[in-house]
Amino acid sequence: MLVHKLFTRLATSSVLICCTVIPAVNAAADTDGILVHCVNSGSGSCQDSHATIQDAINHAETGETVLVGAGTYTENLTLNKSLIIEGAQFGVDARGRVASESIVTAAAGTLVTLQTGCAASLIDGFTFSGASRGIESTTGPINSITVSNNRFVSFTGSGLFLNDIGADITISTNLIDGSAKTTSGDLLHLDTDTFNGMWILDNWILNGATATGIFVDGNRNV
C-alpha cells in the first residue's frame, strides 16, 4: 500500500516531507543483566564498554541499546538482531547539522549490512562516510526498521540500498549527499522487493549527477 508522500526530482534536488516516527523495539528476556552497551560513550546509562561498535552489537541481546560516542570508527558492520543503536547526535536532525559526530567509515564495501533478525531496529545519530554503500540489506525481512538523523556522505554507490522485503520502514530527517558518487545505484535505492509501508520523511537527498534521488526498481509496490 502507498503510505508515504513523496516529492522527488533528480538527485540534484532535495527531498522532503513530514514528521518522524520512532518505533518501539521489542525486548527479549535479558540473560546477563546488561541492557545498555557502550562504545566510547560517557553516558551515565552505560553498563559495559566495548572497543568497537561491532563488538557491542555482538554482545547485545534483542531489544537492547548500543550507545556510540563521538569519534571515528573504521568498521564494516553487520546487524542481525533488533537493537537500538544511537550515535552522538541521536535525535538531532541531520539536515545542515554541524556537530561532534559518531563517524562510521571504511575504504570499501558497505558500512552497515542489515540481515535477517534486524527487524524493528533503530539506527539514529551517525555519520556514515565513504565506502560503496552506507546501509544495505542483504537478507530480510527488514520490517519496522527506522533510519533517522544520519548523515550519508562520501559514498561511491548508494547511501541506502534496501534489497529485501519490508513493511512499515521509516527513513526520516537524514542527509544523503551523493557528491562523491561514481558507480551504479541510486542515492536511496529500493530494489526488487515489496515494501508494504515506506515512510520517507523530511530528508535531504541531493547531488549525485550519475543517479536519481529515490529509485524504485521494477514494478514493485511501495
Protein backbone atom coordinates (compact mmCIF):
# COMPACT_ATOMS: atom_id res chain seq x y z
CA MET A 1 0.00 0.00 0.00
CA LEU A 2 1.09 3.56 -0.53
CA VAL A 3 1.81 5.06 2.87
CA HIS A 4 4.16 7.94 2.17
CA LYS A 5 4.00 11.25 0.48
CA LEU A 6 6.90 11.71 -1.85
CA PHE A 7 8.11 14.76 -3.73
CA THR A 8 11.22 13.96 -5.71
CA ARG A 9 13.24 15.25 -8.60
CA LEU A 10 16.60 14.08 -9.81
CA ALA A 11 19.41 13.64 -7.34
CA THR A 12 20.42 17.25 -7.73
CA SER A 13 17.39 18.25 -5.67
CA SER A 14 16.21 17.94 -2.12
CA VAL A 15 13.53 15.63 -0.83
CA LEU A 16 11.08 16.15 1.69
CA ILE A 17 8.31 15.69 3.94
CA CYS A 18 6.52 15.28 7.23
CA CYS A 19 7.25 14.03 10.67
CA THR A 20 9.41 11.46 12.47
CA VAL A 21 8.17 8.06 13.59
CA ILE A 22 10.26 6.19 16.16
CA PRO A 23 9.35 2.54 16.73
CA ALA A 24 9.37 0.55 19.90
CA VAL A 25 11.90 -2.29 19.84
CA ASN A 26 10.60 -5.49 21.34
CA ALA A 27 12.86 -6.52 24.17
CA ALA A 28 13.69 -10.18 24.76
CA ALA A 29 14.29 -11.62 28.18
CA ASP A 30 17.68 -10.33 29.32
CA THR A 31 20.16 -13.04 30.32
CA ASP A 32 23.15 -11.07 31.60
CA GLY A 33 21.71 -8.03 33.36
CA ILE A 34 23.21 -5.64 30.79
CA LEU A 35 20.74 -3.57 28.76
CA VAL A 36 22.96 -0.68 27.55
CA HIS A 37 26.23 -1.39 25.75
CA CYS A 38 28.63 1.49 25.11
CA VAL A 39 31.46 2.38 22.77
CA ASN A 40 33.45 5.45 23.80
CA SER A 41 30.38 6.90 25.48
CA GLY A 42 30.30 8.90 28.68
CA SER A 43 26.59 8.29 29.22
CA GLY A 44 25.56 7.51 32.75
CA SER A 45 23.36 4.77 31.29
CA CYS A 46 26.35 2.65 30.27
CA GLN A 47 26.54 -0.80 31.80
CA ASP A 48 29.57 -2.11 29.92
CA SER A 49 32.17 -0.90 27.44
CA HIS A 50 33.38 -2.18 24.08
CA ALA A 51 36.31 -1.25 21.84
CA THR A 52 34.30 -1.44 18.60
CA ILE A 53 30.70 -0.97 17.52
CA GLN A 54 30.57 -4.50 16.11
CA ASP A 55 31.71 -5.95 19.42
CA ALA A 56 28.92 -4.07 21.19
CA ILE A 57 26.38 -5.36 18.64
CA ASN A 58 27.65 -8.91 19.08
CA HIS A 59 27.26 -8.76 22.86
CA ALA A 60 23.87 -7.03 22.88
CA GLU A 61 20.68 -9.07 23.07
CA THR A 62 17.50 -8.38 21.14
CA GLY A 63 15.82 -5.16 22.23
CA GLU A 64 18.90 -3.72 23.94
CA THR A 65 20.69 -0.44 23.25
CA VAL A 66 24.14 0.37 21.87
CA LEU A 67 25.41 3.90 22.60
CA VAL A 68 28.30 5.15 20.46
CA GLY A 69 30.22 8.25 21.47
CA ALA A 70 31.71 10.84 19.14
CA GLY A 71 34.75 9.62 17.21
CA THR A 72 35.76 7.82 14.03
CA TYR A 73 35.13 4.08 13.75
CA THR A 74 36.69 2.23 10.82
CA GLU A 75 34.33 -0.72 10.57
CA ASN A 76 32.06 -2.64 8.21
CA LEU A 77 29.17 -3.50 10.50
CA THR A 78 26.65 -6.35 10.36
CA LEU A 79 23.30 -6.03 12.16
CA ASN A 80 21.34 -9.28 12.50
CA LYS A 81 19.31 -8.60 15.64
CA SER A 82 16.78 -6.00 16.73
CA LEU A 83 18.66 -3.22 18.54
CA ILE A 84 18.54 0.50 19.27
CA ILE A 85 21.84 1.94 18.01
CA GLU A 86 22.41 5.58 18.91
CA GLY A 87 25.25 7.79 17.77
CA ALA A 88 26.42 11.00 19.39
CA GLN A 89 23.74 13.00 17.55
CA PHE A 90 20.81 10.74 18.39
CA GLY A 91 17.55 12.65 17.99
CA VAL A 92 19.19 15.62 16.21
CA ASP A 93 18.07 16.38 12.65
CA ALA A 94 20.94 15.60 10.26
CA ARG A 95 19.97 18.25 7.70
CA GLY A 96 22.52 21.04 7.97
CA ARG A 97 23.94 19.61 11.18
CA VAL A 98 27.41 20.67 12.26
CA ALA A 99 28.35 18.85 15.43
CA SER A 100 30.63 16.32 17.07
CA GLU A 101 29.78 13.10 15.23
CA SER A 102 29.99 9.34 15.58
CA ILE A 103 31.55 8.61 12.19
CA VAL A 104 31.48 5.12 10.70
CA THR A 105 33.84 4.79 7.76
CA ALA A 106 35.64 2.21 5.62
CA ALA A 107 37.63 2.15 2.40
CA ALA A 108 35.21 -0.16 0.58
CA GLY A 109 32.16 -2.37 0.92
CA THR A 110 29.07 -1.47 2.94
CA LEU A 111 29.24 0.35 6.25
CA VAL A 112 26.16 -1.32 7.76
CA THR A 113 24.75 -4.57 6.39
CA LEU A 114 21.22 -5.44 7.52
CA GLN A 115 20.44 -9.14 7.78
CA THR A 116 17.60 -11.37 8.94
CA GLY A 117 16.83 -10.63 12.58
CA CYS A 118 17.36 -6.87 12.35
CA ALA A 119 13.63 -6.05 12.05
CA ALA A 120 12.44 -3.21 14.32
CA SER A 121 15.95 -1.84 14.80
CA LEU A 122 16.65 1.88 15.13
CA ILE A 123 19.81 3.49 13.69
CA ASP A 124 19.98 7.13 14.74
CA GLY A 125 22.52 9.92 15.04
CA PHE A 126 25.54 8.81 12.96
CA THR A 127 27.63 9.99 10.06
CA PHE A 128 28.25 7.21 7.53
CA SER A 129 31.18 8.33 5.42
CA GLY A 130 32.87 6.62 2.49
CA ALA A 131 32.76 3.02 1.22
CA SER A 132 30.46 1.98 -1.63
CA ARG A 133 27.18 1.96 0.31
CA GLY A 134 26.17 3.39 3.64
CA ILE A 135 23.44 0.95 4.66
CA GLU A 136 22.40 -2.11 2.64
CA SER A 137 20.08 -5.01 3.37
CA THR A 138 21.17 -8.44 2.11
CA THR A 139 18.62 -10.71 3.84
CA GLY A 140 15.29 -9.90 5.42
CA PRO A 141 12.63 -9.19 6.26
CA ILE A 142 13.51 -5.68 7.39
CA ASN A 143 10.13 -4.80 8.87
CA SER A 144 9.83 -1.67 11.05
CA ILE A 145 13.44 -0.59 10.56
CA THR A 146 13.96 3.10 11.36
CA VAL A 147 16.91 5.08 9.97
CA SER A 148 16.80 8.62 11.34
CA ASN A 149 19.04 11.63 11.86
CA ASN A 150 22.03 10.22 9.98
CA ARG A 151 24.44 11.84 7.51
CA PHE A 152 25.39 9.72 4.46
CA VAL A 153 28.38 11.30 2.72
CA SER A 154 31.37 10.42 0.51
CA PHE A 155 29.90 7.09 -0.66
CA THR A 156 30.60 5.96 -4.23
CA GLY A 157 27.45 3.85 -4.78
CA SER A 158 24.29 4.37 -2.70
CA GLY A 159 23.54 5.97 0.63
CA LEU A 160 20.82 3.42 1.39
CA PHE A 161 20.24 0.29 -0.71
CA LEU A 162 17.27 -1.76 0.53
CA ASN A 163 17.23 -5.13 -1.16
CA ASP A 164 14.78 -7.17 0.94
CA ILE A 165 11.08 -7.22 1.67
CA GLY A 166 9.90 -5.00 4.49
CA ALA A 167 6.84 -3.33 5.98
CA ASP A 168 6.49 -0.05 7.87
CA ILE A 169 10.03 1.19 7.24
CA THR A 170 10.86 4.75 8.29
CA ILE A 171 13.63 6.87 6.75
CA SER A 172 13.50 10.32 8.30
CA THR A 173 15.49 13.53 8.83
CA ASN A 174 18.62 12.18 7.16
CA LEU A 175 21.10 13.87 4.84
CA ILE A 176 22.03 11.71 1.82
CA ASP A 177 24.64 13.57 -0.22
CA GLY A 178 25.77 11.90 -3.45
CA SER A 179 28.54 14.37 -4.29
CA ALA A 180 31.20 11.61 -4.30
CA LYS A 181 29.12 9.03 -6.15
CA THR A 182 30.90 7.35 -9.09
CA THR A 183 29.30 3.90 -9.56
CA SER A 184 25.88 2.34 -10.18
CA GLY A 185 22.93 2.50 -7.82
CA ASP A 186 20.94 5.49 -6.64
CA LEU A 187 21.12 7.64 -3.54
CA LEU A 188 18.14 5.89 -1.96
CA HIS A 189 17.63 2.65 -3.88
CA LEU A 190 14.64 0.35 -3.27
CA ASP A 191 15.40 -2.85 -5.13
CA THR A 192 13.15 -5.60 -6.48
CA ASP A 193 11.13 -6.34 -3.34
CA THR A 194 7.76 -5.32 -1.96
CA PHE A 195 7.68 -2.58 0.68
CA ASN A 196 4.27 -2.52 2.31
CA GLY A 197 4.65 0.73 4.15
CA MET A 198 7.59 3.04 3.44
CA TRP A 199 7.74 6.36 5.27
CA ILE A 200 10.29 8.74 3.69
CA LEU A 201 10.02 11.88 5.78
CA ASP A 202 11.89 15.19 5.93
CA ASN A 203 15.14 14.06 4.30
CA TRP A 204 17.63 15.99 2.22
CA ILE A 205 18.55 13.74 -0.74
CA LEU A 206 20.78 15.66 -3.08
CA ASN A 207 23.65 15.75 -5.59
CA GLY A 208 24.96 12.75 -7.49
CA ALA A 209 24.91 13.55 -11.19
CA THR A 210 25.01 9.84 -12.16
CA ALA A 211 21.89 8.86 -10.20
CA THR A 212 18.34 9.64 -9.22
CA GLY A 213 17.48 10.69 -5.70
CA ILE A 214 14.96 7.93 -4.97
CA PHE A 215 14.73 4.86 -7.20
CA VAL A 216 12.11 2.10 -7.04
CA ASP A 217 13.20 -0.90 -9.12
CA GLY A 218 10.84 -2.79 -11.44
CA ASN A 219 7.10 -2.89 -10.80
CA ARG A 220 7.29 -3.50 -7.08
CA ASN A 221 4.92 -2.00 -4.53
CA VAL A 222 5.99 0.84 -2.28
